[in-house]
Amino acid sequence: MPGARVVKAFSHLDARVFAQQAPNEGQRVLFYSGDDATAKEEVRKLIAATGHFGLDLGPLDTGGPLAGLPFGPLAANNFVRI
């Protein structure tokens, strides 16, 4: 899509994890990546508004594969910020 601003987020964890409270009153870490700084900031705010902690993995070509299912090294890891 010409002109589209893409941010990869909310896709590295199984959806059932979101229904669970993070342990030790922490914040579940959600990874996001994208090439547009403004779009990433909007997604970071959305992640914060849901009570999670957003962690920027950089541009799509770097961060996307890190958190990409099923073989990304960060995929399916349920990190919690305490």
PDB file of N, CA and C in Angstrom:
ATOM      1  N   MET A   1       0.834  -1.168   0.000  1.00  0.00           N
ATOM      2  CA  MET A   1       0.000   0.000   0.000  1.00  0.00           C
ATOM      3  C   MET A   1       0.882   1.235   0.000  1.00  0.00           C
ATOM      4  N   PRO A   2       0.879   1.978  -1.036  1.00  0.00           N
ATOM      5  CA  PRO A   2       1.663   3.220  -1.055  1.00  0.00           C
ATOM      6  C   PRO A   2       1.207   4.163   0.060  1.00  0.00           C
ATOM      7  N   GLY A   3       2.164   4.680   0.801  1.00  0.00           N
ATOM      8  CA  GLY A   3       1.869   5.633   1.874  1.00  0.00           C
ATOM      9  C   GLY A   3       1.436   5.009   3.188  1.00  0.00           C
ATOM     10  N   ALA A   4       1.330   3.684   3.236  1.00  0.00           N
ATOM     11  CA  ALA A   4       0.904   3.028   4.479  1.00  0.00           C
ATOM     12  C   ALA A   4       2.009   3.121   5.531  1.00  0.00           C
ATOM     13  N   ARG A   5       1.603   3.287   6.762  1.00  0.00           N
ATOM     14  CA  ARG A   5       2.529   3.282   7.896  1.00  0.00           C
ATOM     15  C   ARG A   5       2.283   1.985   8.655  1.00  0.00           C
ATOM     16  N   VAL A   6       3.287   1.129   8.693  1.00  0.00           N
ATOM     17  CA  VAL A   6       3.126  -0.208   9.261  1.00  0.00           C
ATOM     18  C   VAL A   6       3.927  -0.324  10.554  1.00  0.00           C
ATOM     19  N   VAL A   7       3.268  -0.847  11.571  1.00  0.00           N
ATOM     20  CA  VAL A   7       3.932  -1.160  12.832  1.00  0.00           C
ATOM     21  C   VAL A   7       3.528  -2.590  13.199  1.00  0.00           C
ATOM     22  N   LYS A   8       4.509  -3.436  13.433  1.00  0.00           N
ATOM     23  CA  LYS A   8       4.244  -4.806  13.863  1.00  0.00           C
ATOM     24  C   LYS A   8       4.162  -4.797  15.382  1.00  0.00           C
ATOM     25  N   ALA A   9       3.029  -5.224  15.905  1.00  0.00           N
ATOM     26  CA  ALA A   9       2.813  -5.244  17.354  1.00  0.00           C
ATOM     27  C   ALA A   9       1.706  -6.234  17.690  1.00  0.00           C
ATOM     28  N   PHE A  10       1.627  -6.616  18.953  1.00  0.00           N
ATOM     29  CA  PHE A  10       0.563  -7.479  19.473  1.00  0.00           C
ATOM     30  C   PHE A  10       0.530  -8.851  18.802  1.00  0.00           C
ATOM     31  N   SER A  11       1.631  -9.320  18.250  1.00  0.00           N
ATOM     32  CA  SER A  11       1.553 -10.579  17.504  1.00  0.00           C
ATOM     33  C   SER A  11       2.593 -11.617  17.920  1.00  0.00           C
ATOM     34  N   HIS A  12       3.357 -11.367  18.963  1.00  0.00           N
ATOM     35  CA  HIS A  12       4.380 -12.341  19.328  1.00  0.00           C
ATOM     36  C   HIS A  12       3.955 -13.265  20.472  1.00  0.00           C
ATOM     37  N   LEU A  13       2.808 -12.985  21.058  1.00  0.00           N
ATOM     38  CA  LEU A  13       2.315 -13.827  22.156  1.00  0.00           C
ATOM     39  C   LEU A  13       0.993 -14.466  21.768  1.00  0.00           C
ATOM     40  N   ASP A  14       0.722 -15.609  22.358  1.00  0.00           N
ATOM     41  CA  ASP A  14      -0.578 -16.249  22.205  1.00  0.00           C
ATOM     42  C   ASP A  14      -1.639 -15.320  22.817  1.00  0.00           C
ATOM     43  N   ALA A  15      -2.759 -15.175  22.161  1.00  0.00           N
ATOM     44  CA  ALA A  15      -3.806 -14.254  22.621  1.00  0.00           C
ATOM     45  C   ALA A  15      -4.302 -14.578  24.024  1.00  0.00           C
ATOM     46  N   ARG A  16      -4.227 -15.819  24.435  1.00  0.00           N
ATOM     47  CA  ARG A  16      -4.697 -16.196  25.786  1.00  0.00           C
ATOM     48  C   ARG A  16      -3.862 -15.556  26.888  1.00  0.00           C
ATOM     49  N   VAL A  17      -2.628 -15.199  26.580  1.00  0.00           N
ATOM     50  CA  VAL A  17      -1.752 -14.577  27.576  1.00  0.00           C
ATOM     51  C   VAL A  17      -2.302 -13.218  28.008  1.00  0.00           C
ATOM     52  N   PHE A  18      -2.934 -12.511  27.098  1.00  0.00           N
ATOM     53  CA  PHE A  18      -3.428 -11.171  27.405  1.00  0.00           C
ATOM     54  C   PHE A  18      -4.517 -11.167  28.474  1.00  0.00           C
ATOM     55  N   ALA A  19      -5.210 -12.271  28.636  1.00  0.00           N
ATOM     56  CA  ALA A  19      -6.270 -12.358  29.644  1.00  0.00           C
ATOM     57  C   ALA A  19      -5.716 -12.597  31.041  1.00  0.00           C
ATOM     58  N   GLN A  20      -4.443 -12.940  31.134  1.00  0.00           N
ATOM     59  CA  GLN A  20      -3.822 -13.247  32.427  1.00  0.00           C
ATOM     60  C   GLN A  20      -3.145 -12.009  33.004  1.00  0.00           C
ATOM     61  N   GLN A  21      -3.244 -11.859  34.302  1.00  0.00           N
ATOM     62  CA  GLN A  21      -2.544 -10.781  34.993  1.00  0.00           C
ATOM     63  C   GLN A  21      -1.052 -11.082  34.987  1.00  0.00           C
ATOM     64  N   ALA A  22      -0.235 -10.075  34.720  1.00  0.00           N
ATOM     65  CA  ALA A  22       1.216 -10.265  34.771  1.00  0.00           C
ATOM     66  C   ALA A  22       1.628 -10.552  36.210  1.00  0.00           C
ATOM     67  N   PRO A  23       2.576 -11.451  36.404  1.00  0.00           N
ATOM     68  CA  PRO A  23       2.998 -11.779  37.774  1.00  0.00           C
ATOM     69  C   PRO A  23       3.686 -10.615  38.476  1.00  0.00           C
ATOM     70  N   ASN A  24       3.642 -10.652  39.800  1.00  0.00           N
ATOM     71  CA  ASN A  24       4.319  -9.669  40.658  1.00  0.00           C
ATOM     72  C   ASN A  24       3.906  -8.235  40.368  1.00  0.00           C
ATOM     73  N   GLU A  25       2.664  -8.055  39.942  1.00  0.00           N
ATOM     74  CA  GLU A  25       2.132  -6.717  39.641  1.00  0.00           C
ATOM     75  C   GLU A  25       2.976  -5.979  38.608  1.00  0.00           C
ATOM     76  N   GLY A  26       3.637  -6.737  37.744  1.00  0.00           N
ATOM     77  CA  GLY A  26       4.451  -6.138  36.690  1.00  0.00           C
ATOM     78  C   GLY A  26       3.628  -5.826  35.460  1.00  0.00           C
ATOM     79  N   GLN A  27       4.317  -5.374  34.436  1.00  0.00           N
ATOM     80  CA  GLN A  27       3.683  -5.066  33.153  1.00  0.00           C
ATOM     81  C   GLN A  27       4.224  -6.036  32.107  1.00  0.00           C
ATOM     82  N   ARG A  28       3.313  -6.678  31.391  1.00  0.00           N
ATOM     83  CA  ARG A  28       3.723  -7.566  30.320  1.00  0.00           C
ATOM     84  C   ARG A  28       4.415  -6.749  29.237  1.00  0.00           C
ATOM     85  N   VAL A  29       5.544  -7.238  28.743  1.00  0.00           N
ATOM     86  CA  VAL A  29       6.313  -6.545  27.706  1.00  0.00           C
ATOM     87  C   VAL A  29       5.767  -6.939  26.339  1.00  0.00           C
ATOM     88  N   LEU A  30       5.421  -5.936  25.550  1.00  0.00           N
ATOM     89  CA  LEU A  30       4.966  -6.159  24.183  1.00  0.00           C
ATOM     90  C   LEU A  30       5.950  -5.498  23.235  1.00  0.00           C
ATOM     91  N   PHE A  31       6.473  -6.271  22.318  1.00  0.00           N
ATOM     92  CA  PHE A  31       7.431  -5.761  21.348  1.00  0.00           C
ATOM     93  C   PHE A  31       6.699  -5.114  20.184  1.00  0.00           C
ATOM     94  N   TYR A  32       7.314  -4.081  19.621  1.00  0.00           N
ATOM     95  CA  TYR A  32       6.789  -3.482  18.402  1.00  0.00           C
ATOM     96  C   TYR A  32       7.959  -3.001  17.560  1.00  0.00           C
ATOM     97  N   SER A  33       7.734  -2.921  16.257  1.00  0.00           N
ATOM     98  CA  SER A  33       8.761  -2.430  15.342  1.00  0.00           C
ATOM     99  C   SER A  33       8.081  -1.779  14.146  1.00  0.00           C
ATOM    100  N   GLY A  34       8.782  -0.845  13.541  1.00  0.00           N
ATOM    101  CA  GLY A  34       8.242  -0.149  12.377  1.00  0.00           C
ATOM    102  C   GLY A  34       9.240   0.857  11.850  1.00  0.00           C
ATOM    103  N   ASP A  35       8.925   1.396  10.685  1.00  0.00           N
ATOM    104  CA  ASP A  35       9.822   2.340  10.018  1.00  0.00           C
ATOM    105  C   ASP A  35       9.391   3.790  10.160  1.00  0.00           C
ATOM    106  N   ASP A  36       8.221   4.027  10.719  1.00  0.00           N
ATOM    107  CA  ASP A  36       7.690   5.383  10.855  1.00  0.00           C
ATOM    108  C   ASP A  36       7.631   5.744  12.337  1.00  0.00           C
ATOM    109  N   ALA A  37       8.421   6.715  12.756  1.00  0.00           N
ATOM    110  CA  ALA A  37       8.527   7.086  14.174  1.00  0.00           C
ATOM    111  C   ALA A  37       7.196   7.542  14.754  1.00  0.00           C
ATOM    112  N   THR A  38       6.423   8.295  13.992  1.00  0.00           N
ATOM    113  CA  THR A  38       5.135   8.785  14.492  1.00  0.00           C
ATOM    114  C   THR A  38       4.164   7.635  14.701  1.00  0.00           C
ATOM    115  N   ALA A  39       4.117   6.712  13.763  1.00  0.00           N
ATOM    116  CA  ALA A  39       3.229   5.558  13.892  1.00  0.00           C
ATOM    117  C   ALA A  39       3.646   4.688  15.071  1.00  0.00           C
ATOM    118  N   LYS A  40       4.959   4.515  15.267  1.00  0.00           N
ATOM    119  CA  LYS A  40       5.430   3.714  16.400  1.00  0.00           C
ATOM    120  C   LYS A  40       5.060   4.370  17.724  1.00  0.00           C
ATOM    121  N   GLU A  41       5.126   5.678  17.790  1.00  0.00           N
ATOM    122  CA  GLU A  41       4.745   6.373  19.026  1.00  0.00           C
ATOM    123  C   GLU A  41       3.259   6.175  19.315  1.00  0.00           C
ATOM    124  N   GLU A  42       2.428   6.192  18.294  1.00  0.00           N
ATOM    125  CA  GLU A  42       0.993   5.948  18.479  1.00  0.00           C
ATOM    126  C   GLU A  42       0.756   4.534  19.011  1.00  0.00           C
ATOM    127  N   VAL A  43       1.469   3.564  18.476  1.00  0.00           N
ATOM    128  CA  VAL A  43       1.330   2.184  18.935  1.00  0.00           C
ATOM    129  C   VAL A  43       1.866   2.049  20.361  1.00  0.00           C
ATOM    130  N   ARG A  44       2.978   2.705  20.676  1.00  0.00           N
ATOM    131  CA  ARG A  44       3.506   2.662  22.039  1.00  0.00           C
ATOM    132  C   ARG A  44       2.473   3.183  23.036  1.00  0.00           C
ATOM    133  N   LYS A  45       1.794   4.265  22.688  1.00  0.00           N
ATOM    134  CA  LYS A  45       0.753   4.823  23.558  1.00  0.00           C
ATOM    135  C   LYS A  45      -0.413   3.856  23.708  1.00  0.00           C
ATOM    136  N   LEU A  46      -0.775   3.174  22.630  1.00  0.00           N
ATOM    137  CA  LEU A  46      -1.853   2.185  22.685  1.00  0.00           C
ATOM    138  C   LEU A  46      -1.459   1.023  23.601  1.00  0.00           C
ATOM    139  N   ILE A  47      -0.234   0.572  23.485  1.00  0.00           N
ATOM    140  CA  ILE A  47       0.259  -0.500  24.355  1.00  0.00           C
ATOM    141  C   ILE A  47       0.210  -0.051  25.819  1.00  0.00           C
ATOM    142  N   ALA A  48       0.670   1.155  26.109  1.00  0.00           N
ATOM    143  CA  ALA A  48       0.643   1.687  27.478  1.00  0.00           C
ATOM    144  C   ALA A  48      -0.787   1.815  27.990  1.00  0.00           C
ATOM    145  N   ALA A  49      -1.698   2.234  27.122  1.00  0.00           N
ATOM    146  CA  ALA A  49      -3.096   2.403  27.523  1.00  0.00           C
ATOM    147  C   ALA A  49      -3.744   1.070  27.898  1.00  0.00           C
ATOM    148  N   THR A  50      -3.204  -0.024  27.387  1.00  0.00           N
ATOM    149  CA  THR A  50      -3.738  -1.337  27.740  1.00  0.00           C
ATOM    150  C   THR A  50      -3.056  -1.909  28.981  1.00  0.00           C
ATOM    151  N   GLY A  51      -2.155  -1.130  29.599  1.00  0.00           N
ATOM    152  CA  GLY A  51      -1.500  -1.556  30.827  1.00  0.00           C
ATOM    153  C   GLY A  51      -0.231  -2.360  30.629  1.00  0.00           C
ATOM    154  N   HIS A  52       0.275  -2.378  29.392  1.00  0.00           N
ATOM    155  CA  HIS A  52       1.483  -3.137  29.088  1.00  0.00           C
ATOM    156  C   HIS A  52       2.670  -2.186  28.897  1.00  0.00           C
ATOM    157  N   PHE A  53       3.853  -2.775  28.783  1.00  0.00           N
ATOM    158  CA  PHE A  53       5.061  -2.002  28.551  1.00  0.00           C
ATOM    159  C   PHE A  53       5.560  -2.285  27.134  1.00  0.00           C
ATOM    160  N   GLY A  54       5.602  -1.260  26.293  1.00  0.00           N
ATOM    161  CA  GLY A  54       6.059  -1.422  24.923  1.00  0.00           C
ATOM    162  C   GLY A  54       7.568  -1.319  24.820  1.00  0.00           C
ATOM    163  N   LEU A  55       8.161  -2.224  24.058  1.00  0.00           N
ATOM    164  CA  LEU A  55       9.601  -2.220  23.846  1.00  0.00           C
ATOM    165  C   LEU A  55       9.864  -2.157  22.339  1.00  0.00           C
ATOM    166  N   ASP A  56      10.444  -1.057  21.906  1.00  0.00           N
ATOM    167  CA  ASP A  56      10.714  -0.805  20.495  1.00  0.00           C
ATOM    168  C   ASP A  56      11.905  -1.640  20.032  1.00  0.00           C
ATOM    169  N   LEU A  57      11.679  -2.488  19.044  1.00  0.00           N
ATOM    170  CA  LEU A  57      12.745  -3.327  18.497  1.00  0.00           C
ATOM    171  C   LEU A  57      13.384  -2.728  17.256  1.00  0.00           C
ATOM    172  N   GLY A  58      13.040  -1.484  16.942  1.00  0.00           N
ATOM    173  CA  GLY A  58      13.670  -0.826  15.800  1.00  0.00           C
ATOM    174  C   GLY A  58      12.854  -0.947  14.528  1.00  0.00           C
ATOM    175  N   PRO A  59      13.532  -0.844  13.378  1.00  0.00           N
ATOM    176  CA  PRO A  59      12.823  -0.888  12.097  1.00  0.00           C
ATOM    177  C   PRO A  59      12.260  -2.284  11.813  1.00  0.00           C
ATOM    178  N   LEU A  60      11.315  -2.348  10.880  1.00  0.00           N
ATOM    179  CA  LEU A  60      10.664  -3.611  10.551  1.00  0.00           C
ATOM    180  C   LEU A  60      11.635  -4.699  10.119  1.00  0.00           C
ATOM    181  N   ASP A  61      12.643  -4.344   9.334  1.00  0.00           N
ATOM    182  CA  ASP A  61      13.545  -5.375   8.832  1.00  0.00           C
ATOM    183  C   ASP A  61      14.423  -5.971   9.931  1.00  0.00           C
ATOM    184  N   THR A  62      14.550  -5.286  11.055  1.00  0.00           N
ATOM    185  CA  THR A  62      15.310  -5.800  12.196  1.00  0.00           C
ATOM    186  C   THR A  62      14.382  -6.382  13.251  1.00  0.00           C
ATOM    187  N   GLY A  63      13.441  -5.578  13.707  1.00  0.00           N
ATOM    188  CA  GLY A  63      12.554  -5.985  14.797  1.00  0.00           C
ATOM    189  C   GLY A  63      11.525  -7.024  14.407  1.00  0.00           C
ATOM    190  N   GLY A  64      11.040  -6.962  13.174  1.00  0.00           N
ATOM    191  CA  GLY A  64      10.035  -7.929  12.732  1.00  0.00           C
ATOM    192  C   GLY A  64      10.486  -9.365  12.891  1.00  0.00           C
ATOM    193  N   PRO A  65      11.654  -9.725  12.365  1.00  0.00           N
ATOM    194  CA  PRO A  65      12.119 -11.106  12.512  1.00  0.00           C
ATOM    195  C   PRO A  65      12.433 -11.501  13.964  1.00  0.00           C
ATOM    196  N   LEU A  66      12.815 -10.556  14.807  1.00  0.00           N
ATOM    197  CA  LEU A  66      13.112 -10.883  16.207  1.00  0.00           C
ATOM    198  C   LEU A  66      11.883 -11.396  16.938  1.00  0.00           C
ATOM    199  N   ALA A  67      10.731 -10.792  16.662  1.00  0.00           N
ATOM    200  CA  ALA A  67       9.510 -11.165  17.368  1.00  0.00           C
ATOM    201  C   ALA A  67       8.545 -11.948  16.485  1.00  0.00           C
ATOM    202  N   GLY A  68       8.995 -12.342  15.305  1.00  0.00           N
ATOM    203  CA  GLY A  68       8.122 -13.061  14.380  1.00  0.00           C
ATOM    204  C   GLY A  68       7.913 -14.516  14.769  1.00  0.00           C
ATOM    205  N   LEU A  69       6.658 -14.931  14.735  1.00  0.00           N
ATOM    206  CA  LEU A  69       6.330 -16.328  14.999  1.00  0.00           C
ATOM    207  C   LEU A  69       6.593 -17.155  13.751  1.00  0.00           C
ATOM    208  N   PRO A  70       7.003 -18.371  13.825  1.00  0.00           N
ATOM    209  CA  PRO A  70       7.242 -19.130  15.048  1.00  0.00           C
ATOM    210  C   PRO A  70       8.698 -19.179  15.472  1.00  0.00           C
ATOM    211  N   PHE A  71       9.618 -18.657  14.663  1.00  0.00           N
ATOM    212  CA  PHE A  71      11.032 -18.911  14.934  1.00  0.00           C
ATOM    213  C   PHE A  71      11.842 -17.708  15.393  1.00  0.00           C
ATOM    214  N   GLY A  72      11.242 -16.546  15.555  1.00  0.00           N
ATOM    215  CA  GLY A  72      11.994 -15.400  16.047  1.00  0.00           C
ATOM    216  C   GLY A  72      12.475 -15.646  17.466  1.00  0.00           C
ATOM    217  N   PRO A  73      13.681 -15.196  17.810  1.00  0.00           N
ATOM    218  CA  PRO A  73      14.228 -15.485  19.142  1.00  0.00           C
ATOM    219  C   PRO A  73      13.424 -14.876  20.291  1.00  0.00           C
ATOM    220  N   LEU A  74      12.606 -13.858  20.013  1.00  0.00           N
ATOM    221  CA  LEU A  74      11.793 -13.258  21.078  1.00  0.00           C
ATOM    222  C   LEU A  74      10.336 -13.710  21.020  1.00  0.00           C
ATOM    223  N   ALA A  75       9.961 -14.421  19.964  1.00  0.00           N
ATOM    224  CA  ALA A  75       8.583 -14.853  19.797  1.00  0.00           C
ATOM    225  C   ALA A  75       8.183 -15.835  20.911  1.00  0.00           C
ATOM    226  N   ALA A  76       6.985 -15.665  21.392  1.00  0.00           N
ATOM    227  CA  ALA A  76       6.383 -16.538  22.404  1.00  0.00           C
ATOM    228  C   ALA A  76       7.060 -16.425  23.773  1.00  0.00           C
ATOM    229  N   ASN A  77       7.974 -15.484  23.956  1.00  0.00           N
ATOM    230  CA  ASN A  77       8.549 -15.234  25.275  1.00  0.00           C
ATOM    231  C   ASN A  77       7.670 -14.240  26.003  1.00  0.00           C
ATOM    232  N   ASN A  78       7.285 -14.580  27.187  1.00  0.00           N
ATOM    233  CA  ASN A  78       6.357 -13.785  27.987  1.00  0.00           C
ATOM    234  C   ASN A  78       7.149 -13.005  29.027  1.00  0.00           C
ATOM    235  N   PHE A  79       7.763 -11.910  28.606  1.00  0.00           N
ATOM    236  CA  PHE A  79       8.571 -11.095  29.509  1.00  0.00           C
ATOM    237  C   PHE A  79       7.673 -10.152  30.313  1.00  0.00           C
ATOM    238  N   VAL A  80       8.067  -9.891  31.549  1.00  0.00           N
ATOM    239  CA  VAL A  80       7.320  -8.991  32.419  1.00  0.00           C
ATOM    240  C   VAL A  80       8.277  -7.974  33.001  1.00  0.00           C
ATOM    241  N   ARG A  81       7.901  -6.702  32.878  1.00  0.00           N
ATOM    242  CA  ARG A  81       8.685  -5.607  33.487  1.00  0.00           C
ATOM    243  C   ARG A  81       8.208  -5.438  34.919  1.00  0.00           C
ATOM    244  N   ILE A  82       9.127  -5.533  35.859  1.00  0.00           N
ATOM    245  CA  ILE A  82       8.764  -5.420  37.277  1.00  0.00           C
ATOM    246  C   ILE A  82       9.243  -4.102  37.812  1.00  0.00           C
TER     247      ILE A  82
END
